[in-house]
Amino acid sequence: MKKTVSLLLALAFCAVSVPSALAQQERQNWTTATRYSVVRGDSIPAIVKKLKYPSVTESQMYFAVVQANLNDFSRDTVDRVLPGMRLKIPPEAEVAKVDVKKADGYMASLRKAETIFAEGVAAENKDDMKTAVAKYIAAAKIGHAYAQFKLGQLYDRDSTRTLPHDFQESMKYYYEARKRGKEIKGPIREEANQR
């Protein structure tokens, strides 16, 4: 009887501890990961929640992932990540160095700017460039790097003639996008002529 009770207790302990150990092992794998392959249905917030290290806040993780991948996100759609993309995931120690107040402020402004930018993309997809440009300008004022990049392109080579060709305005927006970490590859004019 004692052997049966002992065996049942051992099995119960294993049933409780094995899933916990597997979850801990899975979390440990993420703390050493450097890349994440995006799957269908992923979004940046979902990925951040999935990969967040236990010692950091969600805002710190979000800030670090966005900064590490700023030049790799999709810029012409509201979906920043697409299936098959490989995102860089900064190590836990690097994410922990992000100032919490800075990350919280960044995330609040990014959410607002991202919503406005998405409205601009939707308007552009409906060929409503007047609304799209107004939304891009509003998002750019908040500091949205993709909106700034988009305005740089539009002032440089807007085929819809919504904005005048203005080299100074174009450079101003490209400069602001670059300051926020967006890589600007050139020459822009040659790219426009090849499309």
N, C-alpha and C. Protein backbone atom coordinates (compact mmCIF):
# COMPACT_ATOMS: atom_id res chain seq x y z
N MET A 1 0.82 -1.19 0.00
CA MET A 1 0.00 0.00 0.00
C MET A 1 0.87 1.27 0.00
N LYS A 2 1.94 1.23 0.84
CA LYS A 2 2.84 2.39 0.91
C LYS A 2 3.52 2.61 -0.43
N LYS A 3 3.90 1.52 -1.10
CA LYS A 3 4.55 1.65 -2.41
C LYS A 3 3.59 2.26 -3.42
N THR A 4 2.32 1.90 -3.39
CA THR A 4 1.33 2.43 -4.33
C THR A 4 1.13 3.92 -4.10
N VAL A 5 1.01 4.33 -2.82
CA VAL A 5 0.84 5.74 -2.49
C VAL A 5 2.07 6.53 -2.91
N SER A 6 3.25 5.98 -2.65
CA SER A 6 4.49 6.65 -3.03
C SER A 6 4.59 6.80 -4.54
N LEU A 7 4.20 5.76 -5.25
CA LEU A 7 4.23 5.80 -6.71
C LEU A 7 3.24 6.84 -7.24
N LEU A 8 2.04 6.89 -6.66
CA LEU A 8 1.04 7.88 -7.08
C LEU A 8 1.52 9.30 -6.79
N LEU A 9 2.15 9.51 -5.64
CA LEU A 9 2.68 10.83 -5.31
C LEU A 9 3.79 11.24 -6.28
N ALA A 10 4.64 10.31 -6.62
CA ALA A 10 5.73 10.58 -7.57
C ALA A 10 5.17 10.95 -8.94
N LEU A 11 4.14 10.19 -9.37
CA LEU A 11 3.52 10.49 -10.67
C LEU A 11 2.84 11.86 -10.66
N ALA A 12 2.17 12.18 -9.57
CA ALA A 12 1.50 13.48 -9.45
C ALA A 12 2.53 14.61 -9.49
N PHE A 13 3.66 14.43 -8.80
CA PHE A 13 4.71 15.43 -8.81
C PHE A 13 5.25 15.64 -10.23
N CYS A 14 5.47 14.54 -10.95
CA CYS A 14 5.96 14.63 -12.32
C CYS A 14 4.94 15.33 -13.23
N ALA A 15 3.66 15.04 -13.03
CA ALA A 15 2.62 15.65 -13.85
C ALA A 15 2.59 17.16 -13.66
N VAL A 16 2.89 17.63 -12.44
CA VAL A 16 2.89 19.06 -12.17
C VAL A 16 4.21 19.71 -12.60
N SER A 17 5.32 19.06 -12.33
CA SER A 17 6.62 19.69 -12.57
C SER A 17 7.10 19.61 -14.01
N VAL A 18 6.72 18.59 -14.76
CA VAL A 18 7.21 18.45 -16.13
C VAL A 18 6.71 19.58 -17.03
N PRO A 19 5.39 19.91 -17.04
CA PRO A 19 4.99 21.04 -17.87
C PRO A 19 5.66 22.34 -17.46
N SER A 20 5.83 22.54 -16.15
CA SER A 20 6.49 23.73 -15.66
C SER A 20 7.94 23.77 -16.14
N ALA A 21 8.61 22.65 -16.09
CA ALA A 21 10.00 22.57 -16.54
C ALA A 21 10.09 22.81 -18.05
N LEU A 22 9.10 22.29 -18.81
CA LEU A 22 9.11 22.51 -20.25
C LEU A 22 8.89 23.99 -20.58
N ALA A 23 7.96 24.63 -19.86
CA ALA A 23 7.73 26.06 -20.07
C ALA A 23 8.97 26.86 -19.73
N GLN A 24 9.64 26.50 -18.64
CA GLN A 24 10.86 27.20 -18.24
C GLN A 24 11.95 26.99 -19.29
N GLN A 25 12.04 25.77 -19.83
CA GLN A 25 13.04 25.49 -20.86
C GLN A 25 12.74 26.30 -22.12
N GLU A 26 11.44 26.41 -22.48
CA GLU A 26 11.07 27.19 -23.65
C GLU A 26 11.44 28.65 -23.44
N ARG A 27 11.17 29.21 -22.25
CA ARG A 27 11.52 30.60 -21.93
C ARG A 27 13.04 30.77 -22.00
N GLN A 28 13.78 29.78 -21.50
CA GLN A 28 15.24 29.85 -21.53
C GLN A 28 15.74 29.91 -22.97
N ASN A 29 15.08 29.17 -23.87
CA ASN A 29 15.48 29.23 -25.28
C ASN A 29 15.33 30.64 -25.83
N TRP A 30 14.27 31.36 -25.42
CA TRP A 30 14.07 32.71 -25.93
C TRP A 30 15.09 33.68 -25.35
N THR A 31 15.56 33.44 -24.14
CA THR A 31 16.51 34.39 -23.56
C THR A 31 17.86 34.34 -24.26
N THR A 32 18.12 33.29 -25.01
CA THR A 32 19.38 33.21 -25.74
C THR A 32 19.18 33.37 -27.25
N ALA A 33 17.92 33.53 -27.68
CA ALA A 33 17.64 33.63 -29.11
C ALA A 33 18.11 34.97 -29.67
N THR A 34 18.49 34.98 -30.94
CA THR A 34 18.87 36.22 -31.60
C THR A 34 17.99 36.50 -32.81
N ARG A 35 17.21 35.53 -33.25
CA ARG A 35 16.33 35.70 -34.41
C ARG A 35 14.99 35.04 -34.13
N TYR A 36 13.94 35.62 -34.72
CA TYR A 36 12.61 35.04 -34.62
C TYR A 36 11.99 35.06 -36.01
N SER A 37 11.47 33.92 -36.47
CA SER A 37 10.82 33.84 -37.78
C SER A 37 9.33 34.13 -37.61
N VAL A 38 8.87 35.14 -38.31
CA VAL A 38 7.46 35.56 -38.23
C VAL A 38 6.58 34.51 -38.90
N VAL A 39 5.47 34.20 -38.23
CA VAL A 39 4.50 33.25 -38.78
C VAL A 39 3.19 34.00 -39.06
N ARG A 40 2.33 33.39 -39.85
CA ARG A 40 1.04 34.00 -40.20
C ARG A 40 0.28 34.36 -38.92
N GLY A 41 -0.28 35.54 -38.89
CA GLY A 41 -1.06 35.99 -37.74
C GLY A 41 -0.23 36.75 -36.71
N ASP A 42 1.08 36.77 -36.86
CA ASP A 42 1.94 37.50 -35.93
C ASP A 42 1.77 39.01 -36.13
N SER A 43 1.92 39.73 -35.06
CA SER A 43 2.01 41.20 -35.09
C SER A 43 3.14 41.54 -34.12
N ILE A 44 3.60 42.76 -34.16
CA ILE A 44 4.69 43.13 -33.24
C ILE A 44 4.26 42.97 -31.79
N PRO A 45 3.07 43.47 -31.40
CA PRO A 45 2.67 43.27 -30.00
C PRO A 45 2.58 41.80 -29.60
N ALA A 46 2.06 40.96 -30.50
CA ALA A 46 1.95 39.53 -30.19
C ALA A 46 3.33 38.89 -30.03
N ILE A 47 4.26 39.28 -30.89
CA ILE A 47 5.62 38.73 -30.82
C ILE A 47 6.28 39.18 -29.52
N VAL A 48 6.11 40.45 -29.18
CA VAL A 48 6.71 40.98 -27.94
C VAL A 48 6.17 40.23 -26.73
N LYS A 49 4.85 40.00 -26.69
CA LYS A 49 4.27 39.26 -25.56
C LYS A 49 4.81 37.83 -25.51
N LYS A 50 4.99 37.24 -26.67
CA LYS A 50 5.47 35.86 -26.74
C LYS A 50 6.93 35.73 -26.28
N LEU A 51 7.74 36.74 -26.60
CA LEU A 51 9.18 36.64 -26.37
C LEU A 51 9.70 37.44 -25.18
N LYS A 52 8.82 38.19 -24.52
CA LYS A 52 9.25 39.09 -23.44
C LYS A 52 10.01 38.34 -22.36
N TYR A 53 11.15 38.89 -21.99
CA TYR A 53 11.95 38.32 -20.92
C TYR A 53 11.28 38.64 -19.58
N PRO A 54 11.39 37.74 -18.60
CA PRO A 54 10.71 37.97 -17.32
C PRO A 54 11.23 39.18 -16.55
N SER A 55 12.45 39.58 -16.79
CA SER A 55 13.06 40.67 -16.00
C SER A 55 12.82 42.07 -16.57
N VAL A 56 12.09 42.18 -17.69
CA VAL A 56 11.88 43.50 -18.32
C VAL A 56 10.39 43.77 -18.49
N THR A 57 10.07 45.05 -18.71
CA THR A 57 8.67 45.40 -18.95
C THR A 57 8.33 45.17 -20.42
N GLU A 58 7.04 45.14 -20.70
CA GLU A 58 6.60 44.97 -22.08
C GLU A 58 7.06 46.15 -22.94
N SER A 59 7.02 47.35 -22.37
CA SER A 59 7.48 48.53 -23.12
C SER A 59 8.97 48.46 -23.45
N GLN A 60 9.77 47.99 -22.50
CA GLN A 60 11.21 47.85 -22.76
C GLN A 60 11.44 46.87 -23.90
N MET A 61 10.73 45.73 -23.85
CA MET A 61 10.89 44.71 -24.89
C MET A 61 10.44 45.25 -26.24
N TYR A 62 9.29 45.91 -26.25
CA TYR A 62 8.75 46.47 -27.49
C TYR A 62 9.73 47.48 -28.08
N PHE A 63 10.21 48.40 -27.25
CA PHE A 63 11.16 49.42 -27.69
C PHE A 63 12.40 48.76 -28.29
N ALA A 64 12.96 47.77 -27.60
CA ALA A 64 14.19 47.13 -28.07
C ALA A 64 13.97 46.38 -29.38
N VAL A 65 12.85 45.67 -29.51
CA VAL A 65 12.58 44.91 -30.74
C VAL A 65 12.36 45.87 -31.90
N VAL A 66 11.60 46.94 -31.67
CA VAL A 66 11.35 47.92 -32.74
C VAL A 66 12.66 48.56 -33.18
N GLN A 67 13.48 48.99 -32.23
CA GLN A 67 14.75 49.64 -32.58
C GLN A 67 15.69 48.68 -33.31
N ALA A 68 15.70 47.42 -32.93
CA ALA A 68 16.59 46.44 -33.56
C ALA A 68 16.16 46.11 -34.99
N ASN A 69 14.88 46.35 -35.32
CA ASN A 69 14.36 45.93 -36.62
C ASN A 69 13.76 47.07 -37.44
N LEU A 70 14.03 48.30 -37.06
CA LEU A 70 13.40 49.46 -37.69
C LEU A 70 13.54 49.46 -39.20
N ASN A 71 14.66 49.02 -39.70
CA ASN A 71 14.90 49.05 -41.14
C ASN A 71 14.41 47.81 -41.87
N ASP A 72 13.85 46.86 -41.12
CA ASP A 72 13.41 45.61 -41.73
C ASP A 72 11.90 45.47 -41.82
N PHE A 73 11.16 46.31 -41.08
CA PHE A 73 9.71 46.20 -41.09
C PHE A 73 9.16 46.62 -42.44
N SER A 74 7.99 46.09 -42.77
CA SER A 74 7.28 46.49 -43.97
C SER A 74 6.85 47.95 -43.80
N ARG A 75 7.07 48.78 -44.82
CA ARG A 75 6.73 50.20 -44.67
C ARG A 75 5.55 50.62 -45.54
N ASP A 76 5.12 49.78 -46.45
CA ASP A 76 4.04 50.16 -47.36
C ASP A 76 2.69 49.58 -46.97
N THR A 77 2.64 48.86 -45.87
CA THR A 77 1.38 48.30 -45.39
C THR A 77 1.27 48.60 -43.91
N VAL A 78 0.07 48.39 -43.37
CA VAL A 78 -0.11 48.59 -41.93
C VAL A 78 0.41 47.38 -41.17
N ASP A 79 0.65 46.27 -41.86
CA ASP A 79 1.24 45.10 -41.22
C ASP A 79 2.74 45.26 -41.25
N ARG A 80 3.34 45.51 -40.09
CA ARG A 80 4.77 45.76 -40.04
C ARG A 80 5.59 44.49 -40.24
N VAL A 81 5.01 43.35 -39.89
CA VAL A 81 5.73 42.09 -40.06
C VAL A 81 4.93 41.17 -40.97
N LEU A 82 5.64 40.45 -41.80
CA LEU A 82 5.02 39.54 -42.74
C LEU A 82 5.58 38.14 -42.53
N PRO A 83 4.78 37.09 -42.78
CA PRO A 83 5.28 35.73 -42.59
C PRO A 83 6.60 35.51 -43.34
N GLY A 84 7.52 34.87 -42.65
CA GLY A 84 8.83 34.58 -43.23
C GLY A 84 9.92 35.58 -42.85
N MET A 85 9.52 36.76 -42.38
CA MET A 85 10.53 37.73 -41.94
C MET A 85 11.30 37.16 -40.75
N ARG A 86 12.56 37.50 -40.66
CA ARG A 86 13.38 37.08 -39.53
C ARG A 86 13.76 38.31 -38.73
N LEU A 87 13.16 38.43 -37.56
CA LEU A 87 13.41 39.59 -36.71
C LEU A 87 14.59 39.36 -35.79
N LYS A 88 15.34 40.42 -35.54
CA LYS A 88 16.43 40.37 -34.56
C LYS A 88 15.80 40.56 -33.18
N ILE A 89 16.15 39.70 -32.25
CA ILE A 89 15.67 39.81 -30.88
C ILE A 89 16.88 40.12 -30.01
N PRO A 90 16.92 41.33 -29.45
CA PRO A 90 18.08 41.70 -28.62
C PRO A 90 18.18 40.81 -27.38
N PRO A 91 19.38 40.58 -26.88
CA PRO A 91 19.55 39.76 -25.67
C PRO A 91 18.93 40.46 -24.45
N GLU A 92 18.60 39.67 -23.45
CA GLU A 92 17.93 40.17 -22.26
C GLU A 92 18.69 41.32 -21.60
N ALA A 93 20.00 41.18 -21.49
CA ALA A 93 20.81 42.22 -20.84
C ALA A 93 20.68 43.56 -21.58
N GLU A 94 20.61 43.51 -22.90
CA GLU A 94 20.48 44.74 -23.70
C GLU A 94 19.10 45.36 -23.49
N VAL A 95 18.07 44.53 -23.47
CA VAL A 95 16.71 45.03 -23.28
C VAL A 95 16.57 45.65 -21.89
N ALA A 96 17.19 45.04 -20.90
CA ALA A 96 17.11 45.53 -19.52
C ALA A 96 17.75 46.92 -19.36
N LYS A 97 18.66 47.28 -20.26
CA LYS A 97 19.31 48.59 -20.20
C LYS A 97 18.42 49.73 -20.67
N VAL A 98 17.32 49.40 -21.37
CA VAL A 98 16.41 50.43 -21.89
C VAL A 98 15.73 51.13 -20.71
N ASP A 99 15.78 52.46 -20.68
CA ASP A 99 15.14 53.24 -19.63
C ASP A 99 13.62 53.03 -19.70
N VAL A 100 13.01 52.65 -18.58
CA VAL A 100 11.59 52.30 -18.55
C VAL A 100 10.72 53.51 -18.93
N LYS A 101 11.02 54.68 -18.38
CA LYS A 101 10.22 55.88 -18.70
C LYS A 101 10.33 56.22 -20.18
N LYS A 102 11.53 56.11 -20.73
CA LYS A 102 11.73 56.39 -22.15
C LYS A 102 10.92 55.40 -22.99
N ALA A 103 10.96 54.12 -22.61
CA ALA A 103 10.23 53.09 -23.34
C ALA A 103 8.73 53.32 -23.25
N ASP A 104 8.23 53.66 -22.07
CA ASP A 104 6.79 53.91 -21.89
C ASP A 104 6.33 55.10 -22.75
N GLY A 105 7.10 56.19 -22.72
CA GLY A 105 6.76 57.37 -23.53
C GLY A 105 6.82 57.07 -25.01
N TYR A 106 7.84 56.33 -25.41
CA TYR A 106 8.01 55.96 -26.81
C TYR A 106 6.82 55.13 -27.27
N MET A 107 6.42 54.17 -26.46
CA MET A 107 5.33 53.29 -26.84
C MET A 107 4.01 54.05 -26.96
N ALA A 108 3.76 54.98 -26.05
CA ALA A 108 2.51 55.76 -26.10
C ALA A 108 2.45 56.57 -27.39
N SER A 109 3.55 57.25 -27.73
CA SER A 109 3.55 58.07 -28.95
C SER A 109 3.54 57.18 -30.20
N LEU A 110 4.23 56.03 -30.14
CA LEU A 110 4.26 55.13 -31.29
C LEU A 110 2.87 54.58 -31.60
N ARG A 111 2.14 54.20 -30.56
CA ARG A 111 0.78 53.67 -30.79
C ARG A 111 -0.10 54.72 -31.48
N LYS A 112 -0.03 55.95 -30.99
CA LYS A 112 -0.83 57.03 -31.57
C LYS A 112 -0.40 57.28 -33.02
N ALA A 113 0.90 57.43 -33.24
CA ALA A 113 1.41 57.70 -34.58
C ALA A 113 1.14 56.55 -35.53
N GLU A 114 1.24 55.33 -35.03
CA GLU A 114 1.01 54.15 -35.88
C GLU A 114 -0.44 54.11 -36.35
N THR A 115 -1.37 54.47 -35.47
CA THR A 115 -2.79 54.51 -35.83
C THR A 115 -3.02 55.54 -36.94
N ILE A 116 -2.44 56.72 -36.77
CA ILE A 116 -2.60 57.79 -37.77
C ILE A 116 -1.94 57.37 -39.09
N PHE A 117 -0.76 56.77 -39.01
CA PHE A 117 -0.06 56.32 -40.22
C PHE A 117 -0.89 55.27 -40.95
N ALA A 118 -1.48 54.33 -40.20
CA ALA A 118 -2.32 53.28 -40.81
C ALA A 118 -3.52 53.90 -41.54
N GLU A 119 -4.09 54.95 -40.97
CA GLU A 119 -5.19 55.66 -41.63
C GLU A 119 -4.70 56.28 -42.94
N GLY A 120 -3.46 56.79 -42.93
CA GLY A 120 -2.87 57.35 -44.14
C GLY A 120 -2.67 56.30 -45.22
N VAL A 121 -2.16 55.15 -44.82
CA VAL A 121 -1.95 54.05 -45.78
C VAL A 121 -3.29 53.61 -46.36
N ALA A 122 -4.32 53.48 -45.50
CA ALA A 122 -5.65 53.09 -45.98
C ALA A 122 -6.20 54.12 -46.97
N ALA A 123 -6.01 55.40 -46.67
CA ALA A 123 -6.48 56.45 -47.58
C ALA A 123 -5.72 56.39 -48.91
N GLU A 124 -4.41 56.17 -48.84
CA GLU A 124 -3.62 56.06 -50.08
C GLU A 124 -4.06 54.87 -50.90
N ASN A 125 -4.37 53.76 -50.25
CA ASN A 125 -4.84 52.58 -50.97
C ASN A 125 -6.18 52.82 -51.67
N LYS A 126 -6.93 53.82 -51.18
CA LYS A 126 -8.21 54.20 -51.81
C LYS A 126 -8.01 55.36 -52.78
N ASP A 127 -6.76 55.70 -53.07
CA ASP A 127 -6.39 56.81 -53.96
C ASP A 127 -6.87 58.17 -53.43
N ASP A 128 -6.98 58.29 -52.12
CA ASP A 128 -7.33 59.56 -51.49
C ASP A 128 -6.03 60.15 -50.94
N MET A 129 -5.23 60.70 -51.83
CA MET A 129 -3.91 61.19 -51.45
C MET A 129 -3.97 62.42 -50.56
N LYS A 130 -4.98 63.24 -50.70
CA LYS A 130 -5.10 64.43 -49.86
C LYS A 130 -5.20 64.02 -48.38
N THR A 131 -6.06 63.06 -48.10
CA THR A 131 -6.21 62.56 -46.73
C THR A 131 -4.94 61.83 -46.29
N ALA A 132 -4.38 61.02 -47.19
CA ALA A 132 -3.17 60.26 -46.86
C ALA A 132 -2.03 61.20 -46.45
N VAL A 133 -1.81 62.24 -47.22
CA VAL A 133 -0.73 63.18 -46.92
C VAL A 133 -0.97 63.86 -45.58
N ALA A 134 -2.21 64.26 -45.32
CA ALA A 134 -2.54 64.91 -44.03
C ALA A 134 -2.23 63.96 -42.87
N LYS A 135 -2.56 62.69 -43.04
CA LYS A 135 -2.28 61.69 -41.99
C LYS A 135 -0.78 61.47 -41.84
N TYR A 136 -0.06 61.39 -42.95
CA TYR A 136 1.39 61.20 -42.88
C TYR A 136 2.06 62.37 -42.17
N ILE A 137 1.60 63.58 -42.47
CA ILE A 137 2.17 64.76 -41.82
C ILE A 137 1.89 64.73 -40.31
N ALA A 138 0.66 64.37 -39.93
CA ALA A 138 0.30 64.29 -38.51
C ALA A 138 1.15 63.24 -37.79
N ALA A 139 1.34 62.07 -38.41
CA ALA A 139 2.16 61.02 -37.81
C ALA A 139 3.63 61.44 -37.75
N ALA A 140 4.10 62.13 -38.78
CA ALA A 140 5.49 62.58 -38.82
C ALA A 140 5.77 63.58 -37.71
N LYS A 141 4.80 64.44 -37.40
CA LYS A 141 4.98 65.42 -36.33
C LYS A 141 5.16 64.74 -34.98
N ILE A 142 4.55 63.57 -34.81
CA ILE A 142 4.70 62.81 -33.57
C ILE A 142 6.05 62.10 -33.53
N GLY A 143 6.66 61.91 -34.71
CA GLY A 143 7.97 61.27 -34.77
C GLY A 143 7.95 59.90 -35.41
N HIS A 144 6.94 59.60 -36.21
CA HIS A 144 6.82 58.29 -36.86
C HIS A 144 7.80 58.23 -38.03
N ALA A 145 8.81 57.39 -37.91
CA ALA A 145 9.88 57.33 -38.91
C ALA A 145 9.38 56.93 -40.29
N TYR A 146 8.41 56.02 -40.36
CA TYR A 146 7.90 55.59 -41.67
C TYR A 146 7.10 56.70 -42.34
N ALA A 147 6.35 57.49 -41.55
CA ALA A 147 5.62 58.63 -42.10
C ALA A 147 6.61 59.66 -42.64
N GLN A 148 7.68 59.88 -41.89
CA GLN A 148 8.70 60.84 -42.34
C GLN A 148 9.35 60.35 -43.63
N PHE A 149 9.66 59.08 -43.69
CA PHE A 149 10.25 58.50 -44.89
C PHE A 149 9.29 58.63 -46.08
N LYS A 150 8.02 58.32 -45.84
CA LYS A 150 7.00 58.40 -46.90
C LYS A 150 6.89 59.83 -47.43
N LEU A 151 6.89 60.81 -46.53
CA LEU A 151 6.83 62.21 -46.96
C LEU A 151 8.08 62.61 -47.73
N GLY A 152 9.23 62.10 -47.31
CA GLY A 152 10.46 62.35 -48.06
C GLY A 152 10.32 61.85 -49.49
N GLN A 153 9.75 60.67 -49.64
CA GLN A 153 9.52 60.12 -50.98
C GLN A 153 8.52 60.95 -51.77
N LEU A 154 7.43 61.33 -51.12
CA LEU A 154 6.37 62.07 -51.83
C LEU A 154 6.84 63.45 -52.28
N TYR A 155 7.58 64.14 -51.43
CA TYR A 155 8.10 65.45 -51.84
C TYR A 155 9.17 65.31 -52.92
N ASP A 156 9.83 64.17 -52.95
CA ASP A 156 10.88 63.95 -53.93
C ASP A 156 10.32 63.53 -55.29
N ARG A 157 9.31 62.65 -55.25
CA ARG A 157 8.84 62.10 -56.53
C ARG A 157 7.38 61.64 -56.45
N ASP A 158 6.49 62.53 -56.11
CA ASP A 158 5.07 62.20 -56.00
C ASP A 158 4.43 62.17 -57.39
N SER A 159 4.15 60.99 -57.88
CA SER A 159 3.55 60.84 -59.21
C SER A 159 2.07 61.25 -59.20
N THR A 160 1.46 61.34 -58.01
CA THR A 160 0.05 61.75 -57.94
C THR A 160 -0.10 63.26 -57.97
N ARG A 161 0.98 63.98 -57.86
CA ARG A 161 1.00 65.45 -57.87
C ARG A 161 0.19 66.05 -56.71
N THR A 162 0.11 65.31 -55.60
CA THR A 162 -0.54 65.82 -54.40
C THR A 162 0.36 66.83 -53.72
N LEU A 163 1.64 66.52 -53.70
CA LEU A 163 2.63 67.43 -53.11
C LEU A 163 3.53 67.97 -54.21
N PRO A 164 3.98 69.21 -54.08
CA PRO A 164 4.89 69.75 -55.08
C PRO A 164 6.27 69.11 -54.93
N HIS A 165 6.99 69.06 -56.01
CA HIS A 165 8.37 68.58 -55.92
C HIS A 165 9.15 69.62 -55.13
N ASP A 166 9.65 69.23 -53.98
CA ASP A 166 10.35 70.16 -53.10
C ASP A 166 11.52 69.43 -52.46
N PHE A 167 12.69 69.66 -53.01
CA PHE A 167 13.88 68.96 -52.56
C PHE A 167 14.17 69.23 -51.09
N GLN A 168 13.99 70.48 -50.64
CA GLN A 168 14.27 70.82 -49.24
C GLN A 168 13.32 70.09 -48.28
N GLU A 169 12.04 70.07 -48.62
CA GLU A 169 11.08 69.35 -47.77
C GLU A 169 11.40 67.87 -47.77
N SER A 170 11.74 67.34 -48.92
CA SER A 170 12.09 65.93 -49.03
C SER A 170 13.27 65.60 -48.11
N MET A 171 14.30 66.42 -48.20
CA MET A 171 15.49 66.18 -47.38
C MET A 171 15.19 66.33 -45.89
N LYS A 172 14.33 67.29 -45.54
CA LYS A 172 13.95 67.50 -44.14
C LYS A 172 13.31 66.23 -43.57
N TYR A 173 12.38 65.64 -44.33
CA TYR A 173 11.71 64.44 -43.82
C TYR A 173 12.63 63.23 -43.82
N TYR A 174 13.47 63.10 -44.85
CA TYR A 174 14.45 62.01 -44.84
C TYR A 174 15.39 62.14 -43.64
N TYR A 175 15.82 63.37 -43.37
CA TYR A 175 16.72 63.61 -42.23
C TYR A 175 16.05 63.21 -40.91
N GLU A 176 14.79 63.59 -40.73
CA GLU A 176 14.07 63.25 -39.49
C GLU A 176 13.92 61.73 -39.36
N ALA A 177 13.62 61.06 -40.46
CA ALA A 177 13.50 59.60 -40.43
C ALA A 177 14.84 58.96 -40.07
N ARG A 178 15.90 59.49 -40.63
CA ARG A 178 17.24 58.96 -40.34
C ARG A 178 17.61 59.17 -38.87
N LYS A 179 17.24 60.33 -38.31
CA LYS A 179 17.52 60.61 -36.90
C LYS A 179 16.85 59.59 -35.99
N ARG A 180 15.72 59.07 -36.41
CA ARG A 180 14.99 58.09 -35.60
C ARG A 180 15.43 56.66 -35.90
N GLY A 181 16.47 56.51 -36.72
CA GLY A 181 17.04 55.18 -36.95
C GLY A 181 16.68 54.55 -38.26
N LYS A 182 15.84 55.19 -39.08
CA LYS A 182 15.45 54.62 -40.37
C LYS A 182 16.59 54.81 -41.35
N GLU A 183 17.00 53.73 -41.94
CA GLU A 183 18.08 53.79 -42.92
C GLU A 183 17.53 54.29 -44.25
N ILE A 184 18.16 55.29 -44.81
CA ILE A 184 17.74 55.85 -46.10
C ILE A 184 18.78 55.44 -47.12
N LYS A 185 18.34 54.63 -48.07
CA LYS A 185 19.27 54.18 -49.10
C LYS A 185 19.05 55.01 -50.35
N GLY A 186 20.06 55.31 -51.05
CA GLY A 186 19.94 56.12 -52.27
C GLY A 186 20.65 55.44 -53.40
N PRO A 187 20.73 56.05 -54.50
CA PRO A 187 20.10 57.33 -54.81
C PRO A 187 18.61 57.14 -55.08
N ILE A 188 17.80 57.99 -54.50
CA ILE A 188 16.35 57.89 -54.59
C ILE A 188 15.87 58.10 -56.02
N ARG A 189 16.45 59.06 -56.73
CA ARG A 189 16.01 59.37 -58.09
C ARG A 189 16.17 58.18 -59.02
N GLU A 190 17.28 57.48 -58.92
CA GLU A 190 17.50 56.32 -59.78
C GLU A 190 16.48 55.24 -59.50
N GLU A 191 16.13 55.04 -58.20
CA GLU A 191 15.10 54.05 -57.87
C GLU A 191 13.78 54.43 -58.54
N ALA A 192 13.44 55.70 -58.52
CA ALA A 192 12.17 56.16 -59.10
C ALA A 192 12.14 55.92 -60.60
N ASN A 193 13.26 56.13 -61.27
CA ASN A 193 13.31 55.95 -62.73
C ASN A 193 13.26 54.48 -63.14
N GLN A 194 13.66 53.59 -62.22
CA GLN A 194 13.67 52.16 -62.55
C GLN A 194 12.30 51.51 -62.36
N ARG A 195 11.38 52.19 -61.68
CA ARG A 195 10.06 51.58 -61.40
C ARG A 195 9.08 51.85 -62.50
